[in-house]
Amino acid sequence: MSGATTEFDECLACSCFAIRKAARAVTQHYDRALRKSGLRATQLNTLVVLTKAGPMPMASLAEFLGMDRTSLTRNLQPPARKKWIKIAAGDEDRRVRMVSITPAGVAALRKALPAWREAQAGADRILDRSGVRVTG
């Protein structure tokens, strides 16, 4: 980097920047591994949550995934087009949008599982290279 100012040098060690950079690297790693399955990492996570939790309101799904509802709505479009998920009005409150996984979505998850396992096994290397360690 060029520049004579040292005023912002401490910002180069920004935790937020490092974590966001690591997150992008890990997401790219998973997306590469999952490419042949047709799923992206974010879609896989959404389908897994719906498989485990069952149908849920879009607002609850967004909260669980740590996303705003607008981003979730945009992210749900591809799996809805592929008929991996169903979005329907709620039974009790028609304004509530309920999201559920379909049998085709479960099949897509099953197809992606070996690739996900491979990506999962290699994720630690990506995190190590980025300087972030996750324990647990």
N, C-alpha and C. Protein backbone atom coordinates (compact mmCIF):
# COMPACT_ATOMS: atom_id res chain seq x y z
N MET A 1 0.84 -1.18 0.00
CA MET A 1 0.00 0.00 0.00
C MET A 1 0.88 1.23 0.00
N SER A 2 0.43 2.20 -0.73
CA SER A 2 1.19 3.44 -0.76
C SER A 2 0.47 4.50 0.05
N GLY A 3 1.18 5.55 0.32
CA GLY A 3 0.60 6.64 1.09
C GLY A 3 1.47 6.95 2.28
N ALA A 4 1.63 8.21 2.52
CA ALA A 4 2.53 8.63 3.58
C ALA A 4 1.86 8.67 4.95
N THR A 5 0.54 8.70 4.96
CA THR A 5 -0.14 8.86 6.24
C THR A 5 -0.13 7.56 7.05
N THR A 6 0.08 7.69 8.32
CA THR A 6 0.04 6.53 9.22
C THR A 6 -1.19 6.61 10.11
N GLU A 7 -1.98 7.62 9.87
CA GLU A 7 -3.17 7.87 10.69
C GLU A 7 -4.11 6.67 10.76
N PHE A 8 -4.18 5.91 9.68
CA PHE A 8 -5.14 4.81 9.61
C PHE A 8 -4.49 3.43 9.71
N ASP A 9 -3.22 3.37 10.07
CA ASP A 9 -2.52 2.09 10.13
C ASP A 9 -3.22 1.07 11.03
N GLU A 10 -3.72 1.52 12.16
CA GLU A 10 -4.37 0.58 13.08
C GLU A 10 -5.61 -0.05 12.46
N CYS A 11 -6.21 0.62 11.49
CA CYS A 11 -7.41 0.08 10.84
C CYS A 11 -7.10 -1.15 9.98
N LEU A 12 -5.83 -1.34 9.62
CA LEU A 12 -5.46 -2.52 8.84
C LEU A 12 -5.63 -3.80 9.65
N ALA A 13 -5.69 -3.68 10.96
CA ALA A 13 -5.89 -4.84 11.83
C ALA A 13 -7.34 -4.92 12.31
N CYS A 14 -8.25 -4.37 11.53
CA CYS A 14 -9.67 -4.33 11.89
C CYS A 14 -10.26 -5.74 11.95
N SER A 15 -10.83 -6.09 13.08
CA SER A 15 -11.44 -7.41 13.24
C SER A 15 -12.60 -7.61 12.28
N CYS A 16 -13.41 -6.58 12.09
CA CYS A 16 -14.56 -6.69 11.19
C CYS A 16 -14.09 -7.01 9.77
N PHE A 17 -13.08 -6.30 9.29
CA PHE A 17 -12.54 -6.54 7.95
C PHE A 17 -12.02 -7.98 7.83
N ALA A 18 -11.26 -8.41 8.82
CA ALA A 18 -10.67 -9.76 8.78
C ALA A 18 -11.75 -10.84 8.76
N ILE A 19 -12.78 -10.67 9.56
CA ILE A 19 -13.85 -11.67 9.63
C ILE A 19 -14.66 -11.67 8.34
N ARG A 20 -14.96 -10.49 7.79
CA ARG A 20 -15.70 -10.43 6.52
C ARG A 20 -14.90 -11.04 5.38
N LYS A 21 -13.60 -10.78 5.37
CA LYS A 21 -12.73 -11.37 4.35
C LYS A 21 -12.71 -12.89 4.47
N ALA A 22 -12.59 -13.37 5.70
CA ALA A 22 -12.59 -14.82 5.94
C ALA A 22 -13.94 -15.43 5.53
N ALA A 23 -15.03 -14.74 5.85
CA ALA A 23 -16.36 -15.25 5.50
C ALA A 23 -16.51 -15.37 3.98
N ARG A 24 -16.01 -14.38 3.25
CA ARG A 24 -16.08 -14.45 1.78
C ARG A 24 -15.25 -15.63 1.27
N ALA A 25 -14.07 -15.83 1.83
CA ALA A 25 -13.21 -16.94 1.39
C ALA A 25 -13.86 -18.29 1.69
N VAL A 26 -14.46 -18.42 2.85
CA VAL A 26 -15.11 -19.68 3.21
C VAL A 26 -16.34 -19.91 2.33
N THR A 27 -17.13 -18.89 2.10
CA THR A 27 -18.31 -19.03 1.24
C THR A 27 -17.90 -19.45 -0.16
N GLN A 28 -16.85 -18.84 -0.70
CA GLN A 28 -16.36 -19.23 -2.03
C GLN A 28 -15.90 -20.68 -2.04
N HIS A 29 -15.25 -21.11 -0.97
CA HIS A 29 -14.79 -22.50 -0.84
C HIS A 29 -15.98 -23.46 -0.90
N TYR A 30 -17.03 -23.18 -0.13
CA TYR A 30 -18.21 -24.04 -0.12
C TYR A 30 -18.93 -23.99 -1.47
N ASP A 31 -19.05 -22.80 -2.04
CA ASP A 31 -19.73 -22.68 -3.33
C ASP A 31 -19.01 -23.47 -4.42
N ARG A 32 -17.67 -23.44 -4.42
CA ARG A 32 -16.91 -24.24 -5.39
C ARG A 32 -17.21 -25.73 -5.21
N ALA A 33 -17.20 -26.17 -3.96
CA ALA A 33 -17.43 -27.60 -3.68
C ALA A 33 -18.86 -28.01 -4.06
N LEU A 34 -19.82 -27.13 -3.85
CA LEU A 34 -21.22 -27.46 -4.08
C LEU A 34 -21.68 -27.23 -5.52
N ARG A 35 -20.84 -26.61 -6.34
CA ARG A 35 -21.25 -26.19 -7.69
C ARG A 35 -21.97 -27.29 -8.46
N LYS A 36 -21.43 -28.51 -8.47
CA LYS A 36 -22.03 -29.59 -9.25
C LYS A 36 -23.40 -30.02 -8.72
N SER A 37 -23.67 -29.74 -7.46
CA SER A 37 -24.96 -30.12 -6.89
C SER A 37 -26.06 -29.14 -7.27
N GLY A 38 -25.67 -27.95 -7.74
CA GLY A 38 -26.66 -26.94 -8.08
C GLY A 38 -27.04 -26.04 -6.93
N LEU A 39 -26.53 -26.33 -5.75
CA LEU A 39 -26.81 -25.51 -4.56
C LEU A 39 -25.67 -24.56 -4.27
N ARG A 40 -26.00 -23.43 -3.72
CA ARG A 40 -24.99 -22.52 -3.18
C ARG A 40 -24.99 -22.72 -1.66
N ALA A 41 -23.92 -22.30 -1.02
CA ALA A 41 -23.80 -22.48 0.43
C ALA A 41 -24.97 -21.86 1.18
N THR A 42 -25.36 -20.67 0.79
CA THR A 42 -26.47 -20.00 1.48
C THR A 42 -27.78 -20.77 1.29
N GLN A 43 -27.98 -21.34 0.12
CA GLN A 43 -29.19 -22.12 -0.13
C GLN A 43 -29.18 -23.40 0.70
N LEU A 44 -28.02 -24.05 0.77
CA LEU A 44 -27.91 -25.26 1.56
C LEU A 44 -28.28 -24.98 3.01
N ASN A 45 -27.74 -23.89 3.56
CA ASN A 45 -28.05 -23.55 4.96
C ASN A 45 -29.54 -23.34 5.16
N THR A 46 -30.17 -22.63 4.23
CA THR A 46 -31.60 -22.37 4.34
C THR A 46 -32.39 -23.68 4.28
N LEU A 47 -32.04 -24.55 3.34
CA LEU A 47 -32.75 -25.82 3.22
C LEU A 47 -32.57 -26.70 4.45
N VAL A 48 -31.37 -26.69 5.02
CA VAL A 48 -31.13 -27.47 6.23
C VAL A 48 -32.00 -26.96 7.38
N VAL A 49 -32.04 -25.64 7.54
CA VAL A 49 -32.86 -25.06 8.61
C VAL A 49 -34.33 -25.46 8.42
N LEU A 50 -34.84 -25.36 7.20
CA LEU A 50 -36.23 -25.72 6.95
C LEU A 50 -36.48 -27.21 7.16
N THR A 51 -35.48 -28.04 6.83
CA THR A 51 -35.62 -29.48 7.05
C THR A 51 -35.72 -29.78 8.54
N LYS A 52 -34.88 -29.14 9.33
CA LYS A 52 -34.84 -29.41 10.76
C LYS A 52 -35.99 -28.74 11.52
N ALA A 53 -36.35 -27.51 11.14
CA ALA A 53 -37.35 -26.74 11.89
C ALA A 53 -38.76 -26.92 11.36
N GLY A 54 -38.89 -27.31 10.12
CA GLY A 54 -40.22 -27.39 9.50
C GLY A 54 -40.63 -26.03 8.96
N PRO A 55 -41.84 -25.94 8.42
CA PRO A 55 -42.31 -24.67 7.86
C PRO A 55 -42.24 -23.56 8.90
N MET A 56 -41.81 -22.40 8.43
CA MET A 56 -41.71 -21.28 9.37
C MET A 56 -41.99 -19.96 8.66
N PRO A 57 -42.44 -18.97 9.43
CA PRO A 57 -42.68 -17.66 8.84
C PRO A 57 -41.37 -17.08 8.29
N MET A 58 -41.47 -16.36 7.19
CA MET A 58 -40.29 -15.77 6.57
C MET A 58 -39.52 -14.90 7.56
N ALA A 59 -40.24 -14.14 8.38
CA ALA A 59 -39.57 -13.27 9.35
C ALA A 59 -38.75 -14.09 10.35
N SER A 60 -39.26 -15.22 10.78
CA SER A 60 -38.53 -16.08 11.73
C SER A 60 -37.31 -16.71 11.05
N LEU A 61 -37.48 -17.12 9.80
CA LEU A 61 -36.36 -17.70 9.06
C LEU A 61 -35.26 -16.66 8.88
N ALA A 62 -35.63 -15.44 8.52
CA ALA A 62 -34.65 -14.37 8.36
C ALA A 62 -33.89 -14.14 9.67
N GLU A 63 -34.61 -14.10 10.77
CA GLU A 63 -33.97 -13.89 12.07
C GLU A 63 -33.02 -15.04 12.40
N PHE A 64 -33.47 -16.26 12.17
CA PHE A 64 -32.64 -17.42 12.47
C PHE A 64 -31.35 -17.41 11.65
N LEU A 65 -31.45 -17.01 10.38
CA LEU A 65 -30.29 -16.97 9.50
C LEU A 65 -29.44 -15.72 9.68
N GLY A 66 -29.92 -14.77 10.50
CA GLY A 66 -29.17 -13.53 10.72
C GLY A 66 -29.20 -12.61 9.50
N MET A 67 -30.33 -12.59 8.81
CA MET A 67 -30.48 -11.78 7.60
C MET A 67 -31.66 -10.84 7.76
N ASP A 68 -31.65 -9.78 6.96
CA ASP A 68 -32.85 -8.96 6.91
C ASP A 68 -33.82 -9.62 5.94
N ARG A 69 -35.08 -9.30 6.10
CA ARG A 69 -36.12 -9.97 5.31
C ARG A 69 -35.97 -9.70 3.82
N THR A 70 -35.54 -8.50 3.44
CA THR A 70 -35.37 -8.17 2.03
C THR A 70 -34.32 -9.07 1.39
N SER A 71 -33.18 -9.25 2.07
CA SER A 71 -32.13 -10.14 1.54
C SER A 71 -32.62 -11.58 1.46
N LEU A 72 -33.36 -12.01 2.48
CA LEU A 72 -33.88 -13.38 2.46
C LEU A 72 -34.84 -13.57 1.29
N THR A 73 -35.72 -12.60 1.08
CA THR A 73 -36.67 -12.69 -0.04
C THR A 73 -35.92 -12.87 -1.36
N ARG A 74 -34.88 -12.10 -1.56
CA ARG A 74 -34.06 -12.19 -2.78
C ARG A 74 -33.37 -13.56 -2.84
N ASN A 75 -32.84 -14.05 -1.71
CA ASN A 75 -32.13 -15.33 -1.69
C ASN A 75 -33.05 -16.54 -1.87
N LEU A 76 -34.34 -16.36 -1.56
CA LEU A 76 -35.28 -17.47 -1.70
C LEU A 76 -35.79 -17.64 -3.13
N GLN A 77 -35.58 -16.67 -3.98
CA GLN A 77 -36.10 -16.75 -5.35
C GLN A 77 -35.53 -17.93 -6.14
N PRO A 78 -34.20 -18.13 -6.18
CA PRO A 78 -33.69 -19.29 -6.95
C PRO A 78 -34.20 -20.63 -6.44
N PRO A 79 -34.16 -20.92 -5.13
CA PRO A 79 -34.69 -22.23 -4.71
C PRO A 79 -36.20 -22.36 -4.92
N ALA A 80 -36.92 -21.26 -4.89
CA ALA A 80 -38.36 -21.32 -5.18
C ALA A 80 -38.59 -21.65 -6.65
N ARG A 81 -37.79 -21.05 -7.55
CA ARG A 81 -37.92 -21.35 -8.99
C ARG A 81 -37.60 -22.82 -9.28
N LYS A 82 -36.66 -23.36 -8.51
CA LYS A 82 -36.28 -24.77 -8.70
C LYS A 82 -37.23 -25.71 -7.97
N LYS A 83 -38.21 -25.13 -7.30
CA LYS A 83 -39.22 -25.90 -6.55
C LYS A 83 -38.62 -26.67 -5.38
N TRP A 84 -37.52 -26.13 -4.81
CA TRP A 84 -36.92 -26.73 -3.62
C TRP A 84 -37.62 -26.25 -2.36
N ILE A 85 -38.26 -25.09 -2.45
CA ILE A 85 -39.01 -24.55 -1.33
C ILE A 85 -40.37 -24.09 -1.82
N LYS A 86 -41.28 -23.94 -0.88
CA LYS A 86 -42.62 -23.42 -1.18
C LYS A 86 -42.83 -22.22 -0.26
N ILE A 87 -43.33 -21.14 -0.82
CA ILE A 87 -43.67 -19.95 -0.05
C ILE A 87 -45.16 -19.74 -0.22
N ALA A 88 -45.88 -19.74 0.89
CA ALA A 88 -47.34 -19.65 0.84
C ALA A 88 -47.84 -18.76 1.97
N ALA A 89 -49.05 -18.30 1.82
CA ALA A 89 -49.68 -17.52 2.88
C ALA A 89 -49.93 -18.42 4.08
N GLY A 90 -49.82 -17.84 5.27
CA GLY A 90 -50.07 -18.60 6.48
C GLY A 90 -51.53 -18.99 6.61
N ASP A 91 -51.79 -20.07 7.34
CA ASP A 91 -53.17 -20.53 7.53
C ASP A 91 -53.97 -19.58 8.42
N GLU A 92 -53.34 -19.13 9.50
CA GLU A 92 -54.05 -18.29 10.45
C GLU A 92 -54.02 -16.81 10.08
N ASP A 93 -52.92 -16.36 9.51
CA ASP A 93 -52.77 -14.97 9.10
C ASP A 93 -52.25 -14.97 7.67
N ARG A 94 -53.09 -14.62 6.73
CA ARG A 94 -52.75 -14.69 5.31
C ARG A 94 -51.63 -13.72 4.94
N ARG A 95 -51.35 -12.74 5.81
CA ARG A 95 -50.26 -11.79 5.53
C ARG A 95 -48.89 -12.41 5.81
N VAL A 96 -48.85 -13.42 6.64
CA VAL A 96 -47.59 -14.09 6.99
C VAL A 96 -47.20 -15.02 5.85
N ARG A 97 -45.95 -14.90 5.41
CA ARG A 97 -45.44 -15.77 4.35
C ARG A 97 -44.71 -16.94 5.01
N MET A 98 -45.23 -18.14 4.79
CA MET A 98 -44.64 -19.35 5.35
C MET A 98 -43.71 -19.97 4.32
N VAL A 99 -42.55 -20.41 4.78
CA VAL A 99 -41.56 -21.04 3.91
C VAL A 99 -41.39 -22.49 4.36
N SER A 100 -41.43 -23.40 3.40
CA SER A 100 -41.22 -24.82 3.73
C SER A 100 -40.39 -25.46 2.63
N ILE A 101 -39.71 -26.53 3.00
CA ILE A 101 -38.92 -27.29 2.03
C ILE A 101 -39.83 -28.30 1.35
N THR A 102 -39.57 -28.58 0.09
CA THR A 102 -40.34 -29.56 -0.67
C THR A 102 -39.56 -30.87 -0.76
N PRO A 103 -40.20 -31.94 -1.21
CA PRO A 103 -39.46 -33.18 -1.43
C PRO A 103 -38.28 -32.98 -2.41
N ALA A 104 -38.46 -32.12 -3.41
CA ALA A 104 -37.35 -31.83 -4.34
C ALA A 104 -36.21 -31.13 -3.62
N GLY A 105 -36.53 -30.30 -2.63
CA GLY A 105 -35.50 -29.63 -1.83
C GLY A 105 -34.72 -30.61 -0.97
N VAL A 106 -35.42 -31.56 -0.39
CA VAL A 106 -34.76 -32.61 0.41
C VAL A 106 -33.85 -33.43 -0.50
N ALA A 107 -34.32 -33.74 -1.70
CA ALA A 107 -33.49 -34.50 -2.65
C ALA A 107 -32.25 -33.70 -3.04
N ALA A 108 -32.40 -32.39 -3.24
CA ALA A 108 -31.25 -31.54 -3.58
C ALA A 108 -30.24 -31.53 -2.43
N LEU A 109 -30.74 -31.48 -1.20
CA LEU A 109 -29.85 -31.55 -0.03
C LEU A 109 -29.09 -32.87 0.01
N ARG A 110 -29.80 -33.95 -0.22
CA ARG A 110 -29.15 -35.27 -0.19
C ARG A 110 -28.05 -35.35 -1.26
N LYS A 111 -28.33 -34.81 -2.43
CA LYS A 111 -27.36 -34.82 -3.52
C LYS A 111 -26.12 -33.99 -3.15
N ALA A 112 -26.33 -32.89 -2.44
CA ALA A 112 -25.24 -31.97 -2.09
C ALA A 112 -24.44 -32.42 -0.87
N LEU A 113 -24.97 -33.30 -0.06
CA LEU A 113 -24.34 -33.67 1.20
C LEU A 113 -22.89 -34.15 1.07
N PRO A 114 -22.55 -35.03 0.12
CA PRO A 114 -21.14 -35.43 0.01
C PRO A 114 -20.20 -34.24 -0.30
N ALA A 115 -20.64 -33.35 -1.18
CA ALA A 115 -19.82 -32.17 -1.50
C ALA A 115 -19.70 -31.25 -0.29
N TRP A 116 -20.79 -31.12 0.46
CA TRP A 116 -20.74 -30.29 1.67
C TRP A 116 -19.74 -30.90 2.67
N ARG A 117 -19.78 -32.20 2.84
CA ARG A 117 -18.85 -32.85 3.77
C ARG A 117 -17.40 -32.60 3.35
N GLU A 118 -17.14 -32.66 2.06
CA GLU A 118 -15.79 -32.39 1.55
C GLU A 118 -15.38 -30.94 1.85
N ALA A 119 -16.29 -30.01 1.60
CA ALA A 119 -16.01 -28.60 1.89
C ALA A 119 -15.81 -28.38 3.38
N GLN A 120 -16.62 -29.02 4.18
CA GLN A 120 -16.53 -28.88 5.64
C GLN A 120 -15.16 -29.35 6.13
N ALA A 121 -14.68 -30.45 5.57
CA ALA A 121 -13.38 -30.98 5.98
C ALA A 121 -12.24 -30.02 5.65
N GLY A 122 -12.39 -29.23 4.60
CA GLY A 122 -11.34 -28.31 4.20
C GLY A 122 -11.51 -26.88 4.70
N ALA A 123 -12.60 -26.59 5.36
CA ALA A 123 -12.87 -25.21 5.79
C ALA A 123 -11.85 -24.70 6.80
N ASP A 124 -11.37 -25.56 7.66
CA ASP A 124 -10.38 -25.13 8.66
C ASP A 124 -9.12 -24.57 7.99
N ARG A 125 -8.71 -25.17 6.87
CA ARG A 125 -7.52 -24.66 6.16
C ARG A 125 -7.75 -23.23 5.68
N ILE A 126 -8.94 -22.95 5.19
CA ILE A 126 -9.27 -21.60 4.72
C ILE A 126 -9.21 -20.63 5.89
N LEU A 127 -9.79 -21.03 7.00
CA LEU A 127 -9.81 -20.16 8.18
C LEU A 127 -8.40 -19.94 8.72
N ASP A 128 -7.61 -21.00 8.73
CA ASP A 128 -6.22 -20.86 9.20
C ASP A 128 -5.46 -19.87 8.34
N ARG A 129 -5.63 -19.96 7.01
CA ARG A 129 -4.94 -19.04 6.11
C ARG A 129 -5.40 -17.61 6.30
N SER A 130 -6.65 -17.43 6.68
CA SER A 130 -7.16 -16.07 6.85
C SER A 130 -6.86 -15.52 8.24
N GLY A 131 -6.35 -16.38 9.11
CA GLY A 131 -6.00 -15.93 10.46
C GLY A 131 -7.14 -16.00 11.45
N VAL A 132 -8.25 -16.63 11.09
CA VAL A 132 -9.40 -16.75 11.97
C VAL A 132 -9.49 -18.20 12.43
N ARG A 133 -9.68 -18.42 13.70
CA ARG A 133 -9.84 -19.77 14.25
C ARG A 133 -11.18 -19.86 14.92
N VAL A 134 -11.87 -20.92 14.60
CA VAL A 134 -13.17 -21.19 15.22
C VAL A 134 -13.02 -22.46 16.03
N THR A 135 -13.49 -22.45 17.25
CA THR A 135 -13.45 -23.66 18.07
C THR A 135 -14.87 -24.05 18.39
N GLY A 136 -15.05 -25.33 18.66
CA GLY A 136 -16.39 -25.73 19.06
C GLY A 136 -16.82 -27.00 18.53
